[in-house]
């Protein structure tokens, strides 16, 4: 039986609430990527998906022997085969493991679960395309670093690191990314996954250091929906997951001020990133995963 039928909406299948039914991170990651590729082949971006799957559209001057006639028979479009040395990109996924990433209110999965699945799916997609991928886990320092590799075993190594990790402690993105920068010996595309609920200027400065070393950067912000809306209606105790500080208050007294502060924070992040050529992409834990993968492909295509 096929994983996706014509009657199945591939985008609906990539919603977090459906993926929680799958038992393992590996199965979820594979499901996300396979569903995403099905969606690309059924979308207006068909040529783009084929390009990324080691093909690109034929251009005058290309050698006719490289044309894939089987693809032409299916699509009535000319595509040429693109070999590994033409497509290889080194990508490092830097994942925030601080305690705030463990937050969950009413969404299908906590921020950590969503972020880890993003990392696993990206890793699987890249290795499927024979790209080298590495992973870095950080909080106040760099916890773990696995250099980029295109070996088949790399996906299993990435899964093992993600499954063993737990969100805990505070975060210091400046220190952690500085340590990561020292480890990167070759120009890479760095995908930083975090909630970025820290000082915005400090976060942008940390990302800027990567750009100063000629790396390309995507800042993927993962939030719990309530962190964006503050839609709470009854007395609650708020606890800082990184420091343990607590405060009991009715949300209605804070809602307007919180939303203004949050909007300012987001504006500082987005404008600061844009100034240095960093792709800033905010999502929440209800966002279908195809949006994350498509954002990566859009960046990769521009390199």
C-alpha atoms as a PDB file:
ATOM      1  CA  UNK A   1       0.000   0.000   0.000  1.00  0.00           C
ATOM      2  CA  UNK A   2       1.365   3.422  -0.954  1.00  0.00           C
ATOM      3  CA  UNK A   3       2.237   5.844   1.812  1.00  0.00           C
ATOM      4  CA  UNK A   4       0.297   8.624   0.074  1.00  0.00           C
ATOM      5  CA  UNK A   5      -2.698   8.088  -2.216  1.00  0.00           C
ATOM      6  CA  UNK A   6      -4.119  10.528  -4.737  1.00  0.00           C
ATOM      7  CA  UNK A   7      -7.015  11.118  -2.356  1.00  0.00           C
ATOM      8  CA  UNK A   8      -4.701  12.010   0.522  1.00  0.00           C
ATOM      9  CA  UNK A   9      -3.734  15.626   1.008  1.00  0.00           C
ATOM     10  CA  UNK A  10       0.030  15.463   1.369  1.00  0.00           C
ATOM     11  CA  UNK A  11       0.119  18.780   3.244  1.00  0.00           C
ATOM     12  CA  UNK A  12      -2.480  17.573   5.752  1.00  0.00           C
ATOM     13  CA  UNK A  13      -0.264  14.538   6.329  1.00  0.00           C
ATOM     14  CA  UNK A  14       2.617  16.780   7.380  1.00  0.00           C
ATOM     15  CA  UNK A  15       0.766  18.483  10.232  1.00  0.00           C
ATOM     16  CA  UNK A  16       2.371  17.898  13.649  1.00  0.00           C
ATOM     17  CA  UNK A  17      -0.819  16.527  15.214  1.00  0.00           C
ATOM     18  CA  UNK A  18      -0.833  13.647  12.717  1.00  0.00           C
ATOM     19  CA  UNK A  19       2.877  12.926  12.990  1.00  0.00           C
ATOM     20  CA  UNK A  20       2.624  12.406  16.743  1.00  0.00           C
ATOM     21  CA  UNK A  21       0.872   9.107  15.982  1.00  0.00           C
ATOM     22  CA  UNK A  22       4.119   7.686  14.615  1.00  0.00           C
ATOM     23  CA  UNK A  23       6.226   5.889  17.175  1.00  0.00           C
ATOM     24  CA  UNK A  24       9.805   6.967  16.472  1.00  0.00           C
ATOM     25  CA  UNK A  25      11.767  10.020  15.397  1.00  0.00           C
ATOM     26  CA  UNK A  26      13.224   8.086  12.473  1.00  0.00           C
ATOM     27  CA  UNK A  27       9.806   7.080  11.170  1.00  0.00           C
ATOM     28  CA  UNK A  28       8.495  10.626  11.550  1.00  0.00           C
ATOM     29  CA  UNK A  29      11.480  12.105   9.711  1.00  0.00           C
ATOM     30  CA  UNK A  30      11.171   9.670   6.817  1.00  0.00           C
ATOM     31  CA  UNK A  31       7.420  10.263   6.624  1.00  0.00           C
ATOM     32  CA  UNK A  32       7.924  14.038   6.520  1.00  0.00           C
ATOM     33  CA  UNK A  33      10.486  13.867   3.722  1.00  0.00           C
ATOM     34  CA  UNK A  34       8.640  11.312   1.596  1.00  0.00           C
ATOM     35  CA  UNK A  35       5.415  13.275   1.921  1.00  0.00           C
ATOM     36  CA  UNK A  36       7.209  16.506   1.091  1.00  0.00           C
ATOM     37  CA  UNK A  37       8.714  15.048  -2.078  1.00  0.00           C
ATOM     38  CA  UNK A  38       5.304  13.737  -3.127  1.00  0.00           C
ATOM     39  CA  UNK A  39       3.927  17.223  -2.608  1.00  0.00           C
ATOM     40  CA  UNK A  40       6.645  18.846  -4.679  1.00  0.00           C
ATOM     41  CA  UNK A  41       5.921  16.534  -7.592  1.00  0.00           C
ATOM     42  CA  UNK A  42       2.223  17.471  -7.417  1.00  0.00           C
ATOM     43  CA  UNK A  43       2.823  21.191  -7.028  1.00  0.00           C
ATOM     44  CA  UNK A  44       3.612  24.074  -9.413  1.00  0.00           C
ATOM     45  CA  UNK A  45       7.234  23.742  -8.229  1.00  0.00           C
ATOM     46  CA  UNK A  46       7.680  20.471 -10.093  1.00  0.00           C
ATOM     47  CA  UNK A  47      10.774  21.635 -11.975  1.00  0.00           C
ATOM     48  CA  UNK A  48      12.333  22.828  -8.727  1.00  0.00           C
ATOM     49  CA  UNK A  49      11.788  19.515  -7.000  1.00  0.00           C
ATOM     50  CA  UNK A  50      13.285  17.581  -9.889  1.00  0.00           C
ATOM     51  CA  UNK A  51      16.261  19.904  -9.862  1.00  0.00           C
ATOM     52  CA  UNK A  52      16.872  19.208  -6.227  1.00  0.00           C
ATOM     53  CA  UNK A  53      16.460  15.474  -6.794  1.00  0.00           C
ATOM     54  CA  UNK A  54      19.668  15.530  -8.829  1.00  0.00           C
ATOM     55  CA  UNK A  55      18.097  16.822 -12.034  1.00  0.00           C
ATOM     56  CA  UNK A  56      17.779  20.256 -13.573  1.00  0.00           C
ATOM     57  CA  UNK A  57      15.980  21.625 -16.599  1.00  0.00           C
ATOM     58  CA  UNK A  58      17.747  21.308 -19.926  1.00  0.00           C
ATOM     59  CA  UNK A  59      19.429  24.477 -21.170  1.00  0.00           C
ATOM     60  CA  UNK A  60      20.869  25.172 -24.657  1.00  0.00           C
ATOM     61  CA  UNK A  61      24.436  23.948 -24.686  1.00  0.00           C
ATOM     62  CA  UNK A  62      23.878  20.991 -22.347  1.00  0.00           C
ATOM     63  CA  UNK A  63      25.091  17.646 -23.647  1.00  0.00           C
ATOM     64  CA  UNK A  64      22.174  15.659 -25.122  1.00  0.00           C
ATOM     65  CA  UNK A  65      23.605  12.434 -23.659  1.00  0.00           C
ATOM     66  CA  UNK A  66      22.760  13.766 -20.187  1.00  0.00           C
ATOM     67  CA  UNK A  67      19.027  14.097 -20.960  1.00  0.00           C
ATOM     68  CA  UNK A  68      16.878  11.690 -18.971  1.00  0.00           C
ATOM     69  CA  UNK A  69      14.375  10.435 -21.548  1.00  0.00           C
ATOM     70  CA  UNK A  70      12.352   8.520 -18.955  1.00  0.00           C
ATOM     71  CA  UNK A  71      11.638  11.788 -17.158  1.00  0.00           C
ATOM     72  CA  UNK A  72      10.743  13.356 -20.517  1.00  0.00           C
ATOM     73  CA  UNK A  73       8.277  10.528 -21.220  1.00  0.00           C
ATOM     74  CA  UNK A  74       6.498  11.247 -17.928  1.00  0.00           C
ATOM     75  CA  UNK A  75       6.602  15.055 -17.948  1.00  0.00           C
ATOM     76  CA  UNK A  76       7.182  16.093 -21.584  1.00  0.00           C
ATOM     77  CA  UNK A  77       9.957  18.321 -20.235  1.00  0.00           C
ATOM     78  CA  UNK A  78      13.689  17.981 -20.796  1.00  0.00           C
ATOM     79  CA  UNK A  79      15.858  17.436 -17.721  1.00  0.00           C
ATOM     80  CA  UNK A  80      19.532  16.622 -17.523  1.00  0.00           C
ATOM     81  CA  UNK A  81      21.217  14.548 -14.878  1.00  0.00           C
ATOM     82  CA  UNK A  82      23.168  16.519 -12.326  1.00  0.00           C
ATOM     83  CA  UNK A  83      26.004  14.756 -10.583  1.00  0.00           C
ATOM     84  CA  UNK A  84      27.064  14.829  -6.955  1.00  0.00           C
ATOM     85  CA  UNK A  85      29.936  17.279  -7.401  1.00  0.00           C
ATOM     86  CA  UNK A  86      27.486  19.761  -8.962  1.00  0.00           C
ATOM     87  CA  UNK A  87      24.946  19.608  -6.133  1.00  0.00           C
ATOM     88  CA  UNK A  88      26.932  19.030  -2.945  1.00  0.00           C
ATOM     89  CA  UNK A  89      26.325  21.531  -0.168  1.00  0.00           C
ATOM     90  CA  UNK A  90      27.745  21.269   3.344  1.00  0.00           C
ATOM     91  CA  UNK A  91      25.030  21.964   5.920  1.00  0.00           C
ATOM     92  CA  UNK A  92      25.301  22.144   9.696  1.00  0.00           C
ATOM     93  CA  UNK A  93      22.133  22.098  11.819  1.00  0.00           C
ATOM     94  CA  UNK A  94      22.643  23.907  15.141  1.00  0.00           C
ATOM     95  CA  UNK A  95      19.864  23.029  17.585  1.00  0.00           C
ATOM     96  CA  UNK A  96      19.089  24.893  20.826  1.00  0.00           C
ATOM     97  CA  UNK A  97      18.785  22.402  23.715  1.00  0.00           C
ATOM     98  CA  UNK A  98      18.042  24.877  26.512  1.00  0.00           C
ATOM     99  CA  UNK A  99      15.126  24.329  28.892  1.00  0.00           C
ATOM    100  CA  UNK A 100      12.819  26.824  27.191  1.00  0.00           C
ATOM    101  CA  UNK A 101      12.719  24.527  24.146  1.00  0.00           C
ATOM    102  CA  UNK A 102      10.826  21.990  26.265  1.00  0.00           C
ATOM    103  CA  UNK A 103       7.818  24.293  26.634  1.00  0.00           C
ATOM    104  CA  UNK A 104       4.402  23.036  25.557  1.00  0.00           C
ATOM    105  CA  UNK A 105       0.966  24.477  26.238  1.00  0.00           C
ATOM    106  CA  UNK A 106      -1.780  23.049  24.023  1.00  0.00           C
ATOM    107  CA  UNK A 107       0.032  22.280  20.781  1.00  0.00           C
ATOM    108  CA  UNK A 108       0.568  18.725  19.465  1.00  0.00           C
ATOM    109  CA  UNK A 109       4.227  18.564  20.502  1.00  0.00           C
ATOM    110  CA  UNK A 110       6.662  20.655  22.561  1.00  0.00           C
ATOM    111  CA  UNK A 111       9.047  23.028  20.844  1.00  0.00           C
ATOM    112  CA  UNK A 112      11.857  20.535  21.384  1.00  0.00           C
ATOM    113  CA  UNK A 113       9.964  17.715  19.665  1.00  0.00           C
ATOM    114  CA  UNK A 114       9.111  19.953  16.727  1.00  0.00           C
ATOM    115  CA  UNK A 115      12.667  21.302  16.420  1.00  0.00           C
ATOM    116  CA  UNK A 116      14.242  17.843  16.698  1.00  0.00           C
ATOM    117  CA  UNK A 117      11.949  16.527  13.969  1.00  0.00           C
ATOM    118  CA  UNK A 118      12.898  19.494  11.755  1.00  0.00           C
ATOM    119  CA  UNK A 119      16.556  18.619  12.276  1.00  0.00           C
ATOM    120  CA  UNK A 120      16.005  14.910  11.595  1.00  0.00           C
ATOM    121  CA  UNK A 121      13.940  15.546   8.465  1.00  0.00           C
ATOM    122  CA  UNK A 122      16.499  17.998   7.096  1.00  0.00           C
ATOM    123  CA  UNK A 123      19.252  15.500   7.772  1.00  0.00           C
ATOM    124  CA  UNK A 124      17.397  12.720   5.992  1.00  0.00           C
ATOM    125  CA  UNK A 125      16.537  14.929   3.021  1.00  0.00           C
ATOM    126  CA  UNK A 126      20.121  16.132   2.593  1.00  0.00           C
ATOM    127  CA  UNK A 127      21.675  12.694   2.866  1.00  0.00           C
ATOM    128  CA  UNK A 128      19.126  11.394   0.383  1.00  0.00           C
ATOM    129  CA  UNK A 129      20.481  14.031  -2.011  1.00  0.00           C
ATOM    130  CA  UNK A 130      24.091  13.037  -1.221  1.00  0.00           C
ATOM    131  CA  UNK A 131      24.765  16.354   0.514  1.00  0.00           C
ATOM    132  CA  UNK A 132      26.994  16.436   3.583  1.00  0.00           C
ATOM    133  CA  UNK A 133      25.161  17.281   6.811  1.00  0.00           C
ATOM    134  CA  UNK A 134      26.369  17.757  10.368  1.00  0.00           C
ATOM    135  CA  UNK A 135      24.700  18.627  13.651  1.00  0.00           C
ATOM    136  CA  UNK A 136      25.528  20.760  16.679  1.00  0.00           C
ATOM    137  CA  UNK A 137      23.567  20.740  19.950  1.00  0.00           C
ATOM    138  CA  UNK A 138      24.041  23.723  22.250  1.00  0.00           C
ATOM    139  CA  UNK A 139      22.847  25.519  25.389  1.00  0.00           C
ATOM    140  CA  UNK A 140      25.309  27.828  27.163  1.00  0.00           C
ATOM    141  CA  UNK A 141      28.089  26.101  25.242  1.00  0.00           C
ATOM    142  CA  UNK A 142      28.405  23.649  22.402  1.00  0.00           C
ATOM    143  CA  UNK A 143      27.165  20.348  23.876  1.00  0.00           C
ATOM    144  CA  UNK A 144      27.856  18.115  20.898  1.00  0.00           C
ATOM    145  CA  UNK A 145      29.212  18.577  17.389  1.00  0.00           C
ATOM    146  CA  UNK A 146      29.163  16.026  14.591  1.00  0.00           C
ATOM    147  CA  UNK A 147      30.979  17.345  11.467  1.00  0.00           C
ATOM    148  CA  UNK A 148      29.223  17.251   8.080  1.00  0.00           C
ATOM    149  CA  UNK A 149      29.362  13.940   6.278  1.00  0.00           C
ATOM    150  CA  UNK A 150      27.513  12.346   3.380  1.00  0.00           C
ATOM    151  CA  UNK A 151      27.998   8.794   4.702  1.00  0.00           C
ATOM    152  CA  UNK A 152      24.863   6.655   4.845  1.00  0.00           C
ATOM    153  CA  UNK A 153      25.484   6.074   8.561  1.00  0.00           C
ATOM    154  CA  UNK A 154      25.314   9.797   9.322  1.00  0.00           C
ATOM    155  CA  UNK A 155      21.520   9.796   9.585  1.00  0.00           C
ATOM    156  CA  UNK A 156      21.622   7.092  12.238  1.00  0.00           C
ATOM    157  CA  UNK A 157      24.259   9.070  14.164  1.00  0.00           C
ATOM    158  CA  UNK A 158      22.130  12.240  14.004  1.00  0.00           C
ATOM    159  CA  UNK A 159      19.061  10.345  15.225  1.00  0.00           C
ATOM    160  CA  UNK A 160      21.002   8.884  18.126  1.00  0.00           C
ATOM    161  CA  UNK A 161      22.195  12.328  19.255  1.00  0.00           C
ATOM    162  CA  UNK A 162      18.710  13.801  19.006  1.00  0.00           C
ATOM    163  CA  UNK A 163      17.082  10.913  20.864  1.00  0.00           C
ATOM    164  CA  UNK A 164      19.598  11.140  23.702  1.00  0.00           C
ATOM    165  CA  UNK A 165      19.345  14.908  24.127  1.00  0.00           C
ATOM    166  CA  UNK A 166      16.942  16.587  26.541  1.00  0.00           C
ATOM    167  CA  UNK A 167      16.164  20.313  26.791  1.00  0.00           C
ATOM    168  CA  UNK A 168      17.701  21.609  30.018  1.00  0.00           C
ATOM    169  CA  UNK A 169      19.535  24.568  31.485  1.00  0.00           C
ATOM    170  CA  UNK A 170      20.007  28.084  30.206  1.00  0.00           C
ATOM    171  CA  UNK A 171      21.235  29.249  26.817  1.00  0.00           C
ATOM    172  CA  UNK A 172      24.014  31.487  25.574  1.00  0.00           C
ATOM    173  CA  UNK A 173      23.768  31.631  21.816  1.00  0.00           C
ATOM    174  CA  UNK A 174      26.749  33.986  21.512  1.00  0.00           C
ATOM    175  CA  UNK A 175      29.168  31.595  23.237  1.00  0.00           C
ATOM    176  CA  UNK A 176      27.742  28.476  21.600  1.00  0.00           C
ATOM    177  CA  UNK A 177      27.836  29.793  18.042  1.00  0.00           C
ATOM    178  CA  UNK A 178      31.305  31.239  18.572  1.00  0.00           C
ATOM    179  CA  UNK A 179      32.478  27.734  19.483  1.00  0.00           C
ATOM    180  CA  UNK A 180      30.698  26.320  16.454  1.00  0.00           C
ATOM    181  CA  UNK A 181      32.317  28.892  14.163  1.00  0.00           C
ATOM    182  CA  UNK A 182      35.755  27.718  15.320  1.00  0.00           C
ATOM    183  CA  UNK A 183      34.848  24.154  14.324  1.00  0.00           C
ATOM    184  CA  UNK A 184      33.731  25.015  10.791  1.00  0.00           C
ATOM    185  CA  UNK A 185      36.804  24.680   8.610  1.00  0.00           C
ATOM    186  CA  UNK A 186      34.964  25.071   5.303  1.00  0.00           C
ATOM    187  CA  UNK A 187      32.217  27.381   4.104  1.00  0.00           C
ATOM    188  CA  UNK A 188      28.849  25.908   5.076  1.00  0.00           C
ATOM    189  CA  UNK A 189      25.147  26.594   5.256  1.00  0.00           C
ATOM    190  CA  UNK A 190      24.254  26.769   8.954  1.00  0.00           C
ATOM    191  CA  UNK A 191      20.632  26.235  10.018  1.00  0.00           C
ATOM    192  CA  UNK A 192      20.200  27.570  13.565  1.00  0.00           C
ATOM    193  CA  UNK A 193      17.021  26.220  15.207  1.00  0.00           C
ATOM    194  CA  UNK A 194      15.939  27.989  18.398  1.00  0.00           C
ATOM    195  CA  UNK A 195      13.066  29.897  19.967  1.00  0.00           C
ATOM    196  CA  UNK A 196      15.365  32.961  20.020  1.00  0.00           C
ATOM    197  CA  UNK A 197      13.641  34.146  23.192  1.00  0.00           C
ATOM    198  CA  UNK A 198      16.765  35.932  24.319  1.00  0.00           C
ATOM    199  CA  UNK A 199      18.071  39.431  23.796  1.00  0.00           C
ATOM    200  CA  UNK A 200      17.435  40.088  20.090  1.00  0.00           C
ATOM    201  CA  UNK A 201      20.578  42.132  19.509  1.00  0.00           C
ATOM    202  CA  UNK A 202      22.702  39.439  21.138  1.00  0.00           C
ATOM    203  CA  UNK A 203      21.126  36.747  18.975  1.00  0.00           C
ATOM    204  CA  UNK A 204      21.659  38.744  15.780  1.00  0.00           C
ATOM    205  CA  UNK A 205      25.272  39.433  16.757  1.00  0.00           C
ATOM    206  CA  UNK A 206      25.878  35.701  17.214  1.00  0.00           C
ATOM    207  CA  UNK A 207      24.403  34.920  13.788  1.00  0.00           C
ATOM    208  CA  UNK A 208      26.355  37.782  12.249  1.00  0.00           C
ATOM    209  CA  UNK A 209      29.650  36.201  13.347  1.00  0.00           C
ATOM    210  CA  UNK A 210      28.816  33.179  11.233  1.00  0.00           C
ATOM    211  CA  UNK A 211      28.153  35.437   8.251  1.00  0.00           C
ATOM    212  CA  UNK A 212      31.433  37.258   8.875  1.00  0.00           C
ATOM    213  CA  UNK A 213      33.175  33.917   8.300  1.00  0.00           C
ATOM    214  CA  UNK A 214      31.412  33.601   4.923  1.00  0.00           C
ATOM    215  CA  UNK A 215      28.876  30.994   6.042  1.00  0.00           C
ATOM    216  CA  UNK A 216      25.283  31.137   4.814  1.00  0.00           C
ATOM    217  CA  UNK A 217      22.745  31.196   7.643  1.00  0.00           C
ATOM    218  CA  UNK A 218      19.082  30.321   8.175  1.00  0.00           C
ATOM    219  CA  UNK A 219      17.604  31.248  11.569  1.00  0.00           C
ATOM    220  CA  UNK A 220      14.596  28.986  12.136  1.00  0.00           C
ATOM    221  CA  UNK A 221      12.573  30.243  15.092  1.00  0.00           C
ATOM    222  CA  UNK A 222      10.306  27.625  16.692  1.00  0.00           C
ATOM    223  CA  UNK A 223       7.617  28.928  19.043  1.00  0.00           C
ATOM    224  CA  UNK A 224       4.638  27.583  20.946  1.00  0.00           C
ATOM    225  CA  UNK A 225       1.540  29.405  19.533  1.00  0.00           C
ATOM    226  CA  UNK A 226       0.669  30.916  22.927  1.00  0.00           C
ATOM    227  CA  UNK A 227       4.086  32.587  22.983  1.00  0.00           C
ATOM    228  CA  UNK A 228       2.945  34.614  19.988  1.00  0.00           C
ATOM    229  CA  UNK A 229      -0.617  35.378  21.063  1.00  0.00           C
ATOM    230  CA  UNK A 230      -0.599  35.241  24.889  1.00  0.00           C
ATOM    231  CA  UNK A 231      -4.198  34.005  24.625  1.00  0.00           C
ATOM    232  CA  UNK A 232      -4.640  32.947  28.239  1.00  0.00           C
ATOM    233  CA  UNK A 233      -7.846  33.687  30.125  1.00  0.00           C
ATOM    234  CA  UNK A 234      -7.400  32.684  33.756  1.00  0.00           C
ATOM    235  CA  UNK A 235      -5.055  33.277  36.661  1.00  0.00           C
ATOM    236  CA  UNK A 236      -1.778  31.475  36.056  1.00  0.00           C
ATOM    237  CA  UNK A 237       1.672  31.022  37.514  1.00  0.00           C
ATOM    238  CA  UNK A 238       4.413  31.763  35.030  1.00  0.00           C
ATOM    239  CA  UNK A 239       7.754  30.025  35.490  1.00  0.00           C
ATOM    240  CA  UNK A 240      10.980  30.815  33.670  1.00  0.00           C
ATOM    241  CA  UNK A 241      12.044  27.358  32.451  1.00  0.00           C
ATOM    242  CA  UNK A 242      15.717  28.338  32.421  1.00  0.00           C
ATOM    243  CA  UNK A 243      16.068  30.258  35.708  1.00  0.00           C
ATOM    244  CA  UNK A 244      13.152  28.849  37.731  1.00  0.00           C
ATOM    245  CA  UNK A 245      11.785  32.328  38.562  1.00  0.00           C
ATOM    246  CA  UNK A 246       8.024  32.334  39.183  1.00  0.00           C
ATOM    247  CA  UNK A 247       5.264  34.940  39.051  1.00  0.00           C
ATOM    248  CA  UNK A 248       1.495  34.524  39.631  1.00  0.00           C
ATOM    249  CA  UNK A 249      -0.643  36.979  37.686  1.00  0.00           C
ATOM    250  CA  UNK A 250      -3.822  37.211  35.638  1.00  0.00           C
ATOM    251  CA  UNK A 251      -2.843  37.267  31.935  1.00  0.00           C
ATOM    252  CA  UNK A 252      -5.277  40.102  31.133  1.00  0.00           C
ATOM    253  CA  UNK A 253      -3.048  42.505  33.078  1.00  0.00           C
ATOM    254  CA  UNK A 254      -0.051  41.651  30.916  1.00  0.00           C
ATOM    255  CA  UNK A 255      -1.514  40.806  27.510  1.00  0.00           C
ATOM    256  CA  UNK A 256      -1.211  44.165  25.753  1.00  0.00           C
ATOM    257  CA  UNK A 257       2.250  44.896  27.130  1.00  0.00           C
ATOM    258  CA  UNK A 258       3.418  41.365  26.288  1.00  0.00           C
ATOM    259  CA  UNK A 259       2.201  41.577  22.714  1.00  0.00           C
ATOM    260  CA  UNK A 260       3.889  44.943  22.185  1.00  0.00           C
ATOM    261  CA  UNK A 261       7.139  43.617  23.616  1.00  0.00           C
ATOM    262  CA  UNK A 262       6.921  40.451  21.530  1.00  0.00           C
ATOM    263  CA  UNK A 263       6.270  42.373  18.311  1.00  0.00           C
ATOM    264  CA  UNK A 264       9.259  44.611  19.030  1.00  0.00           C
ATOM    265  CA  UNK A 265      11.423  41.574  19.729  1.00  0.00           C
ATOM    266  CA  UNK A 266      10.395  39.921  16.456  1.00  0.00           C
ATOM    267  CA  UNK A 267      10.961  43.119  14.505  1.00  0.00           C
ATOM    268  CA  UNK A 268      14.470  43.452  15.896  1.00  0.00           C
ATOM    269  CA  UNK A 269      15.244  39.857  14.994  1.00  0.00           C
ATOM    270  CA  UNK A 270      13.858  40.070  11.456  1.00  0.00           C
ATOM    271  CA  UNK A 271      15.386  43.449  10.576  1.00  0.00           C
ATOM    272  CA  UNK A 272      18.715  42.559  12.178  1.00  0.00           C
ATOM    273  CA  UNK A 273      18.909  39.314  10.231  1.00  0.00           C
ATOM    274  CA  UNK A 274      17.876  40.970   6.971  1.00  0.00           C
ATOM    275  CA  UNK A 275      20.623  43.555   7.353  1.00  0.00           C
ATOM    276  CA  UNK A 276      23.286  40.833   7.299  1.00  0.00           C
ATOM    277  CA  UNK A 277      21.743  38.560   4.680  1.00  0.00           C
ATOM    278  CA  UNK A 278      20.451  36.004   7.189  1.00  0.00           C
ATOM    279  CA  UNK A 279      17.174  34.234   6.396  1.00  0.00           C
ATOM    280  CA  UNK A 280      14.907  34.597   9.451  1.00  0.00           C
ATOM    281  CA  UNK A 281      11.990  32.172   9.350  1.00  0.00           C
ATOM    282  CA  UNK A 282       9.554  32.021  12.312  1.00  0.00           C
ATOM    283  CA  UNK A 283       7.196  29.051  12.671  1.00  0.00           C
ATOM    284  CA  UNK A 284       5.179  27.604  15.521  1.00  0.00           C
ATOM    285  CA  UNK A 285       4.585  24.022  16.583  1.00  0.00           C
ATOM    286  CA  UNK A 286       1.391  23.746  14.525  1.00  0.00           C
ATOM    287  CA  UNK A 287       3.115  24.660  11.221  1.00  0.00           C
ATOM    288  CA  UNK A 288       3.172  21.812   8.641  1.00  0.00           C
ATOM    289  CA  UNK A 289       6.736  20.628   8.114  1.00  0.00           C
ATOM    290  CA  UNK A 290       6.753  21.193   4.365  1.00  0.00           C
ATOM    291  CA  UNK A 291       7.100  24.923   5.010  1.00  0.00           C
ATOM    292  CA  UNK A 292      10.378  24.341   6.832  1.00  0.00           C
ATOM    293  CA  UNK A 293      11.804  22.077   4.128  1.00  0.00           C
ATOM    294  CA  UNK A 294      10.704  24.440   1.363  1.00  0.00           C
ATOM    295  CA  UNK A 295      12.436  27.337   3.140  1.00  0.00           C
ATOM    296  CA  UNK A 296      15.664  25.351   3.203  1.00  0.00           C
ATOM    297  CA  UNK A 297      15.388  24.446  -0.485  1.00  0.00           C
ATOM    298  CA  UNK A 298      14.743  28.071  -1.430  1.00  0.00           C
ATOM    299  CA  UNK A 299      17.936  29.108   0.382  1.00  0.00           C
ATOM    300  CA  UNK A 300      19.933  26.251  -1.084  1.00  0.00           C
ATOM    301  CA  UNK A 301      18.836  27.088  -4.592  1.00  0.00           C
ATOM    302  CA  UNK A 302      20.243  30.612  -4.243  1.00  0.00           C
ATOM    303  CA  UNK A 303      23.730  29.416  -3.272  1.00  0.00           C
END
